[in-house]
Amino acid sequence: MQKKLNNEDFILERFPDDVFHEMEKKELKKEGIEQGRMQGIKQGIEQEKVETIKTLLKKNMTSEEIANLLNYEIEKVRQVEKSCK
């Protein structure tokens, strides 16, 4: 009786180890690049928030006004405000 192969067994049987490992490395590299890109986007958004808060503070808006206007957490606004002093 022939054993039914699952997907992983099929892949391992079909490709030699070195080919399989190269495919795995490429996939991991692609995942790493995507994670790095997403992290960069998050950092960029955060930096933009900080710059926006700084600009509005220079226009003499209060922390509460800025948090309300931009729908940001008041703690974040106050943290930026402290860093500007």
C-alpha atoms as a PDB file:
ATOM      1  CA  MET A   1       0.000   0.000   0.000  1.00  0.00           C
ATOM      2  CA  GLN A   2       1.426   3.410  -1.009  1.00  0.00           C
ATOM      3  CA  LYS A   3       1.700   6.116   1.656  1.00  0.00           C
ATOM      4  CA  LYS A   4      -0.221   9.323   0.937  1.00  0.00           C
ATOM      5  CA  LEU A   5       2.153  12.291   1.078  1.00  0.00           C
ATOM      6  CA  ASN A   6       1.213  15.549   2.750  1.00  0.00           C
ATOM      7  CA  ASN A   7       2.337  18.840   1.175  1.00  0.00           C
ATOM      8  CA  GLU A   8       5.539  19.080   3.205  1.00  0.00           C
ATOM      9  CA  ASP A   9       6.549  15.495   2.418  1.00  0.00           C
ATOM     10  CA  PHE A  10       5.847  16.120  -1.259  1.00  0.00           C
ATOM     11  CA  ILE A  11       8.028  19.222  -1.330  1.00  0.00           C
ATOM     12  CA  LEU A  12      10.861  17.529   0.582  1.00  0.00           C
ATOM     13  CA  GLU A  13      10.745  14.477  -1.685  1.00  0.00           C
ATOM     14  CA  ARG A  14      10.573  16.513  -4.885  1.00  0.00           C
ATOM     15  CA  PHE A  15      13.413  18.965  -4.241  1.00  0.00           C
ATOM     16  CA  PRO A  16      16.938  18.201  -3.079  1.00  0.00           C
ATOM     17  CA  ASP A  17      17.880  19.675   0.302  1.00  0.00           C
ATOM     18  CA  ASP A  18      20.076  22.420  -1.137  1.00  0.00           C
ATOM     19  CA  VAL A  19      17.304  23.645  -3.473  1.00  0.00           C
ATOM     20  CA  PHE A  20      14.756  23.508  -0.672  1.00  0.00           C
ATOM     21  CA  HIS A  21      17.045  25.461   1.674  1.00  0.00           C
ATOM     22  CA  GLU A  22      17.697  28.095  -0.988  1.00  0.00           C
ATOM     23  CA  MET A  23      13.950  28.520  -1.490  1.00  0.00           C
ATOM     24  CA  GLU A  24      13.505  28.779   2.276  1.00  0.00           C
ATOM     25  CA  LYS A  25      16.297  31.377   2.533  1.00  0.00           C
ATOM     26  CA  LYS A  26      14.731  33.484  -0.231  1.00  0.00           C
ATOM     27  CA  GLU A  27      11.345  33.347   1.471  1.00  0.00           C
ATOM     28  CA  LEU A  28      12.839  34.342   4.827  1.00  0.00           C
ATOM     29  CA  LYS A  29      14.762  37.172   3.173  1.00  0.00           C
ATOM     30  CA  LYS A  30      11.577  38.405   1.500  1.00  0.00           C
ATOM     31  CA  GLU A  31       9.735  38.278   4.847  1.00  0.00           C
ATOM     32  CA  GLY A  32      12.579  40.179   6.521  1.00  0.00           C
ATOM     33  CA  ILE A  33      12.521  42.879   3.861  1.00  0.00           C
ATOM     34  CA  GLU A  34       8.753  43.249   4.242  1.00  0.00           C
ATOM     35  CA  GLN A  35       9.028  43.490   8.032  1.00  0.00           C
ATOM     36  CA  GLY A  36      11.746  46.113   7.684  1.00  0.00           C
ATOM     37  CA  ARG A  37       9.626  48.095   5.240  1.00  0.00           C
ATOM     38  CA  MET A  38       6.630  48.013   7.575  1.00  0.00           C
ATOM     39  CA  GLN A  39       8.808  49.084  10.512  1.00  0.00           C
ATOM     40  CA  GLY A  40      10.146  51.985   8.446  1.00  0.00           C
ATOM     41  CA  ILE A  41       6.632  53.081   7.568  1.00  0.00           C
ATOM     42  CA  LYS A  42       5.604  52.992  11.241  1.00  0.00           C
ATOM     43  CA  GLN A  43       8.665  55.028  12.231  1.00  0.00           C
ATOM     44  CA  GLY A  44       7.929  57.548   9.479  1.00  0.00           C
ATOM     45  CA  ILE A  45       4.338  57.978  10.637  1.00  0.00           C
ATOM     46  CA  GLU A  46       5.503  58.428  14.226  1.00  0.00           C
ATOM     47  CA  GLN A  47       8.100  61.021  13.182  1.00  0.00           C
ATOM     48  CA  GLU A  48       5.463  62.911  11.185  1.00  0.00           C
ATOM     49  CA  LYS A  49       3.238  63.025  14.287  1.00  0.00           C
ATOM     50  CA  VAL A  50       6.113  64.453  16.335  1.00  0.00           C
ATOM     51  CA  GLU A  51       6.862  67.113  13.712  1.00  0.00           C
ATOM     52  CA  THR A  52       3.187  68.076  13.495  1.00  0.00           C
ATOM     53  CA  ILE A  53       2.954  68.410  17.280  1.00  0.00           C
ATOM     54  CA  LYS A  54       6.118  70.554  17.369  1.00  0.00           C
ATOM     55  CA  THR A  55       4.738  72.834  14.658  1.00  0.00           C
ATOM     56  CA  LEU A  56       1.471  73.352  16.511  1.00  0.00           C
ATOM     57  CA  LEU A  57       3.264  73.957  19.815  1.00  0.00           C
ATOM     58  CA  LYS A  58       5.261  76.721  18.106  1.00  0.00           C
ATOM     59  CA  LYS A  59       1.908  78.282  17.173  1.00  0.00           C
ATOM     60  CA  ASN A  60       1.122  78.432  20.903  1.00  0.00           C
ATOM     61  CA  MET A  61      -1.519  75.733  20.910  1.00  0.00           C
ATOM     62  CA  THR A  62      -1.944  73.847  24.195  1.00  0.00           C
ATOM     63  CA  SER A  63      -1.309  70.141  24.537  1.00  0.00           C
ATOM     64  CA  GLU A  64      -5.014  69.569  25.043  1.00  0.00           C
ATOM     65  CA  GLU A  65      -5.922  71.512  21.900  1.00  0.00           C
ATOM     66  CA  ILE A  66      -3.403  69.565  19.825  1.00  0.00           C
ATOM     67  CA  ALA A  67      -4.527  66.194  21.187  1.00  0.00           C
ATOM     68  CA  ASN A  68      -8.145  67.123  20.475  1.00  0.00           C
ATOM     69  CA  LEU A  69      -7.481  68.510  17.023  1.00  0.00           C
ATOM     70  CA  LEU A  70      -5.335  65.609  15.826  1.00  0.00           C
ATOM     71  CA  ASN A  71      -7.004  62.855  17.862  1.00  0.00           C
ATOM     72  CA  TYR A  72      -3.665  61.959  19.469  1.00  0.00           C
ATOM     73  CA  GLU A  73      -3.181  60.703  23.004  1.00  0.00           C
ATOM     74  CA  ILE A  74      -2.518  63.598  25.385  1.00  0.00           C
ATOM     75  CA  GLU A  75       0.448  61.714  26.876  1.00  0.00           C
ATOM     76  CA  LYS A  76       2.139  61.627  23.459  1.00  0.00           C
ATOM     77  CA  VAL A  77       1.631  65.357  22.968  1.00  0.00           C
ATOM     78  CA  ARG A  78       2.971  66.151  26.445  1.00  0.00           C
ATOM     79  CA  GLN A  79       5.984  63.904  25.851  1.00  0.00           C
ATOM     80  CA  VAL A  80       6.849  65.856  22.699  1.00  0.00           C
ATOM     81  CA  GLU A  81       6.219  69.138  24.490  1.00  0.00           C
ATOM     82  CA  LYS A  82       8.686  68.176  27.263  1.00  0.00           C
ATOM     83  CA  SER A  83      11.324  67.230  24.692  1.00  0.00           C
ATOM     84  CA  CYS A  84      11.074  70.709  23.145  1.00  0.00           C
ATOM     85  CA  LYS A  85      11.860  72.557  26.386  1.00  0.00           C
END
